[in-house]
Amino acid sequence: MLRRRKDVLPNLKGKQRQTVPVILSQVERDEYNQIMRSDQHRFARLGALR
């Protein structure tokens, strides 16, 4: 976690989000899907914490 002093806060820019598309090979896509299926309940819990 990065911490800054309060006097620096007004000088900071707001959050910036950037989506970067990634092209996966078929093997990489299959592995990604397998991980997502096996850990889907964990990802759901993370989303619920926000």
PDB file of N, CA and C in Angstrom:
ATOM      1  N   MET A   1       0.844  -1.165   0.000  1.00  0.00           N
ATOM      2  CA  MET A   1       0.000   0.000   0.000  1.00  0.00           C
ATOM      3  C   MET A   1       0.893   1.233   0.000  1.00  0.00           C
ATOM      4  N   LEU A   2       0.544   2.177  -0.823  1.00  0.00           N
ATOM      5  CA  LEU A   2       1.295   3.418  -0.917  1.00  0.00           C
ATOM      6  C   LEU A   2       0.596   4.480  -0.086  1.00  0.00           C
ATOM      7  N   ARG A   3       1.318   5.086   0.814  1.00  0.00           N
ATOM      8  CA  ARG A   3       0.729   6.127   1.662  1.00  0.00           C
ATOM      9  C   ARG A   3       1.377   7.466   1.346  1.00  0.00           C
ATOM     10  N   ARG A   4       0.565   8.494   1.396  1.00  0.00           N
ATOM     11  CA  ARG A   4       1.071   9.845   1.153  1.00  0.00           C
ATOM     12  C   ARG A   4       0.575  10.760   2.265  1.00  0.00           C
ATOM     13  N   ARG A   5       1.314  11.807   2.483  1.00  0.00           N
ATOM     14  CA  ARG A   5       0.894  12.780   3.491  1.00  0.00           C
ATOM     15  C   ARG A   5      -0.299  13.571   2.981  1.00  0.00           C
ATOM     16  N   LYS A   6      -1.094  14.088   3.900  1.00  0.00           N
ATOM     17  CA  LYS A   6      -2.306  14.814   3.522  1.00  0.00           C
ATOM     18  C   LYS A   6      -2.010  16.060   2.707  1.00  0.00           C
ATOM     19  N   ASP A   7      -0.863  16.680   2.913  1.00  0.00           N
ATOM     20  CA  ASP A   7      -0.562  17.898   2.160  1.00  0.00           C
ATOM     21  C   ASP A   7      -0.280  17.615   0.683  1.00  0.00           C
ATOM     22  N   VAL A   8      -0.008  16.379   0.344  1.00  0.00           N
ATOM     23  CA  VAL A   8       0.258  15.997  -1.042  1.00  0.00           C
ATOM     24  C   VAL A   8      -1.042  15.634  -1.758  1.00  0.00           C
ATOM     25  N   LEU A   9      -2.052  15.256  -1.019  1.00  0.00           N
ATOM     26  CA  LEU A   9      -3.298  14.765  -1.591  1.00  0.00           C
ATOM     27  C   LEU A   9      -3.923  15.689  -2.636  1.00  0.00           C
ATOM     28  N   PRO A  10      -4.011  16.988  -2.422  1.00  0.00           N
ATOM     29  CA  PRO A  10      -4.638  17.857  -3.434  1.00  0.00           C
ATOM     30  C   PRO A  10      -3.900  17.864  -4.774  1.00  0.00           C
ATOM     31  N   ASN A  11      -2.638  17.511  -4.775  1.00  0.00           N
ATOM     32  CA  ASN A  11      -1.844  17.532  -6.004  1.00  0.00           C
ATOM     33  C   ASN A  11      -1.943  16.244  -6.815  1.00  0.00           C
ATOM     34  N   LEU A  12      -2.571  15.220  -6.243  1.00  0.00           N
ATOM     35  CA  LEU A  12      -2.668  13.941  -6.937  1.00  0.00           C
ATOM     36  C   LEU A  12      -3.819  13.959  -7.930  1.00  0.00           C
ATOM     37  N   LYS A  13      -3.622  13.297  -9.054  1.00  0.00           N
ATOM     38  CA  LYS A  13      -4.692  13.156 -10.039  1.00  0.00           C
ATOM     39  C   LYS A  13      -5.661  12.084  -9.550  1.00  0.00           C
ATOM     40  N   GLY A  14      -6.845  12.089 -10.124  1.00  0.00           N
ATOM     41  CA  GLY A  14      -7.832  11.067  -9.789  1.00  0.00           C
ATOM     42  C   GLY A  14      -7.423   9.704 -10.333  1.00  0.00           C
ATOM     43  N   LYS A  15      -8.207   8.687  -9.990  1.00  0.00           N
ATOM     44  CA  LYS A  15      -7.938   7.340 -10.485  1.00  0.00           C
ATOM     45  C   LYS A  15      -8.063   7.308 -11.994  1.00  0.00           C
ATOM     46  N   GLN A  16      -7.214   6.516 -12.585  1.00  0.00           N
ATOM     47  CA  GLN A  16      -7.303   6.296 -14.023  1.00  0.00           C
ATOM     48  C   GLN A  16      -7.352   4.804 -14.255  1.00  0.00           C
ATOM     49  N   ARG A  17      -8.308   4.387 -15.052  1.00  0.00           N
ATOM     50  CA  ARG A  17      -8.424   2.973 -15.397  1.00  0.00           C
ATOM     51  C   ARG A  17      -8.170   2.828 -16.883  1.00  0.00           C
ATOM     52  N   GLN A  18      -7.439   1.791 -17.221  1.00  0.00           N
ATOM     53  CA  GLN A  18      -7.127   1.551 -18.621  1.00  0.00           C
ATOM     54  C   GLN A  18      -7.327   0.070 -18.905  1.00  0.00           C
ATOM     55  N   THR A  19      -8.114  -0.225 -19.913  1.00  0.00           N
ATOM     56  CA  THR A  19      -8.343  -1.606 -20.323  1.00  0.00           C
ATOM     57  C   THR A  19      -7.359  -1.939 -21.439  1.00  0.00           C
ATOM     58  N   VAL A  20      -6.621  -3.022 -21.232  1.00  0.00           N
ATOM     59  CA  VAL A  20      -5.632  -3.442 -22.220  1.00  0.00           C
ATOM     60  C   VAL A  20      -6.057  -4.804 -22.758  1.00  0.00           C
ATOM     61  N   PRO A  21      -6.450  -4.880 -24.024  1.00  0.00           N
ATOM     62  CA  PRO A  21      -6.857  -6.172 -24.581  1.00  0.00           C
ATOM     63  C   PRO A  21      -5.651  -7.108 -24.701  1.00  0.00           C
ATOM     64  N   VAL A  22      -5.898  -8.375 -24.429  1.00  0.00           N
ATOM     65  CA  VAL A  22      -4.843  -9.386 -24.501  1.00  0.00           C
ATOM     66  C   VAL A  22      -5.335 -10.515 -25.395  1.00  0.00           C
ATOM     67  N   ILE A  23      -4.532 -10.884 -26.352  1.00  0.00           N
ATOM     68  CA  ILE A  23      -4.884 -11.989 -27.240  1.00  0.00           C
ATOM     69  C   ILE A  23      -4.222 -13.251 -26.700  1.00  0.00           C
ATOM     70  N   LEU A  24      -5.050 -14.248 -26.383  1.00  0.00           N
ATOM     71  CA  LEU A  24      -4.553 -15.504 -25.835  1.00  0.00           C
ATOM     72  C   LEU A  24      -4.589 -16.586 -26.905  1.00  0.00           C
ATOM     73  N   SER A  25      -3.615 -17.484 -26.837  1.00  0.00           N
ATOM     74  CA  SER A  25      -3.664 -18.656 -27.710  1.00  0.00           C
ATOM     75  C   SER A  25      -4.780 -19.567 -27.196  1.00  0.00           C
ATOM     76  N   GLN A  26      -5.130 -20.568 -27.967  1.00  0.00           N
ATOM     77  CA  GLN A  26      -6.204 -21.474 -27.548  1.00  0.00           C
ATOM     78  C   GLN A  26      -5.833 -22.198 -26.254  1.00  0.00           C
ATOM     79  N   VAL A  27      -4.580 -22.604 -26.126  1.00  0.00           N
ATOM     80  CA  VAL A  27      -4.127 -23.285 -24.906  1.00  0.00           C
ATOM     81  C   VAL A  27      -4.234 -22.340 -23.710  1.00  0.00           C
ATOM     82  N   GLU A  28      -3.787 -21.112 -23.880  1.00  0.00           N
ATOM     83  CA  GLU A  28      -3.877 -20.129 -22.796  1.00  0.00           C
ATOM     84  C   GLU A  28      -5.326 -19.843 -22.435  1.00  0.00           C
ATOM     85  N   ARG A  29      -6.195 -19.727 -23.440  1.00  0.00           N
ATOM     86  CA  ARG A  29      -7.618 -19.477 -23.201  1.00  0.00           C
ATOM     87  C   ARG A  29      -8.243 -20.637 -22.428  1.00  0.00           C
ATOM     88  N   ASP A  30      -7.901 -21.876 -22.799  1.00  0.00           N
ATOM     89  CA  ASP A  30      -8.428 -23.055 -22.102  1.00  0.00           C
ATOM     90  C   ASP A  30      -7.984 -23.065 -20.644  1.00  0.00           C
ATOM     91  N   GLU A  31      -6.708 -22.753 -20.399  1.00  0.00           N
ATOM     92  CA  GLU A  31      -6.200 -22.709 -19.027  1.00  0.00           C
ATOM     93  C   GLU A  31      -6.887 -21.608 -18.225  1.00  0.00           C
ATOM     94  N   TYR A  32      -7.063 -20.460 -18.836  1.00  0.00           N
ATOM     95  CA  TYR A  32      -7.746 -19.336 -18.181  1.00  0.00           C
ATOM     96  C   TYR A  32      -9.173 -19.733 -17.796  1.00  0.00           C
ATOM     97  N   ASN A  33      -9.889 -20.324 -18.734  1.00  0.00           N
ATOM     98  CA  ASN A  33     -11.266 -20.742 -18.460  1.00  0.00           C
ATOM     99  C   ASN A  33     -11.328 -21.792 -17.358  1.00  0.00           C
ATOM    100  N   GLN A  34     -10.375 -22.707 -17.351  1.00  0.00           N
ATOM    101  CA  GLN A  34     -10.341 -23.737 -16.318  1.00  0.00           C
ATOM    102  C   GLN A  34     -10.132 -23.108 -14.941  1.00  0.00           C
ATOM    103  N   ILE A  35      -9.233 -22.169 -14.835  1.00  0.00           N
ATOM    104  CA  ILE A  35      -8.981 -21.485 -13.564  1.00  0.00           C
ATOM    105  C   ILE A  35     -10.215 -20.710 -13.131  1.00  0.00           C
ATOM    106  N   MET A  36     -10.839 -20.021 -14.062  1.00  0.00           N
ATOM    107  CA  MET A  36     -12.041 -19.246 -13.730  1.00  0.00           C
ATOM    108  C   MET A  36     -13.160 -20.153 -13.224  1.00  0.00           C
ATOM    109  N   ARG A  37     -13.325 -21.305 -13.851  1.00  0.00           N
ATOM    110  CA  ARG A  37     -14.376 -22.233 -13.406  1.00  0.00           C
ATOM    111  C   ARG A  37     -14.054 -22.805 -12.030  1.00  0.00           C
ATOM    112  N   SER A  38     -12.803 -23.172 -11.801  1.00  0.00           N
ATOM    113  CA  SER A  38     -12.446 -23.821 -10.539  1.00  0.00           C
ATOM    114  C   SER A  38     -12.439 -22.839  -9.373  1.00  0.00           C
ATOM    115  N   ASP A  39     -12.181 -21.569  -9.638  1.00  0.00           N
ATOM    116  CA  ASP A  39     -12.098 -20.571  -8.569  1.00  0.00           C
ATOM    117  C   ASP A  39     -13.242 -19.561  -8.613  1.00  0.00           C
ATOM    118  N   GLN A  40     -14.310 -19.895  -9.300  1.00  0.00           N
ATOM    119  CA  GLN A  40     -15.407 -18.949  -9.479  1.00  0.00           C
ATOM    120  C   GLN A  40     -15.993 -18.500  -8.142  1.00  0.00           C
ATOM    121  N   HIS A  41     -16.134 -19.418  -7.190  1.00  0.00           N
ATOM    122  CA  HIS A  41     -16.699 -19.051  -5.887  1.00  0.00           C
ATOM    123  C   HIS A  41     -15.777 -18.088  -5.137  1.00  0.00           C
ATOM    124  N   ARG A  42     -14.471 -18.239  -5.311  1.00  0.00           N
ATOM    125  CA  ARG A  42     -13.534 -17.317  -4.654  1.00  0.00           C
ATOM    126  C   ARG A  42     -13.634 -15.918  -5.247  1.00  0.00           C
ATOM    127  N   PHE A  43     -13.754 -15.840  -6.565  1.00  0.00           N
ATOM    128  CA  PHE A  43     -13.905 -14.543  -7.214  1.00  0.00           C
ATOM    129  C   PHE A  43     -15.214 -13.885  -6.802  1.00  0.00           C
ATOM    130  N   ALA A  44     -16.255 -14.671  -6.640  1.00  0.00           N
ATOM    131  CA  ALA A  44     -17.545 -14.122  -6.216  1.00  0.00           C
ATOM    132  C   ALA A  44     -17.432 -13.535  -4.815  1.00  0.00           C
ATOM    133  N   ARG A  45     -16.704 -14.202  -3.936  1.00  0.00           N
ATOM    134  CA  ARG A  45     -16.518 -13.689  -2.576  1.00  0.00           C
ATOM    135  C   ARG A  45     -15.719 -12.395  -2.588  1.00  0.00           C
ATOM    136  N   LEU A  46     -14.719 -12.303  -3.453  1.00  0.00           N
ATOM    137  CA  LEU A  46     -13.939 -11.068  -3.548  1.00  0.00           C
ATOM    138  C   LEU A  46     -14.823  -9.915  -3.993  1.00  0.00           C
ATOM    139  N   GLY A  47     -15.678 -10.161  -4.952  1.00  0.00           N
ATOM    140  CA  GLY A  47     -16.582  -9.126  -5.422  1.00  0.00           C
ATOM    141  C   GLY A  47     -17.547  -8.691  -4.343  1.00  0.00           C
ATOM    142  N   ALA A  48     -17.961  -9.618  -3.496  1.00  0.00           N
ATOM    143  CA  ALA A  48     -18.900  -9.296  -2.420  1.00  0.00           C
ATOM    144  C   ALA A  48     -18.232  -8.440  -1.348  1.00  0.00           C
ATOM    145  N   LEU A  49     -16.919  -8.551  -1.203  1.00  0.00           N
ATOM    146  CA  LEU A  49     -16.204  -7.781  -0.191  1.00  0.00           C
ATOM    147  C   LEU A  49     -16.118  -6.312  -0.562  1.00  0.00           C
ATOM    148  N   ARG A  50     -16.208  -6.010  -1.838  1.00  0.00           N
ATOM    149  CA  ARG A  50     -16.099  -4.614  -2.281  1.00  0.00           C
ATOM    150  C   ARG A  50     -17.360  -3.939  -1.998  1.00  0.00           C
TER     151      ARG A  50
END
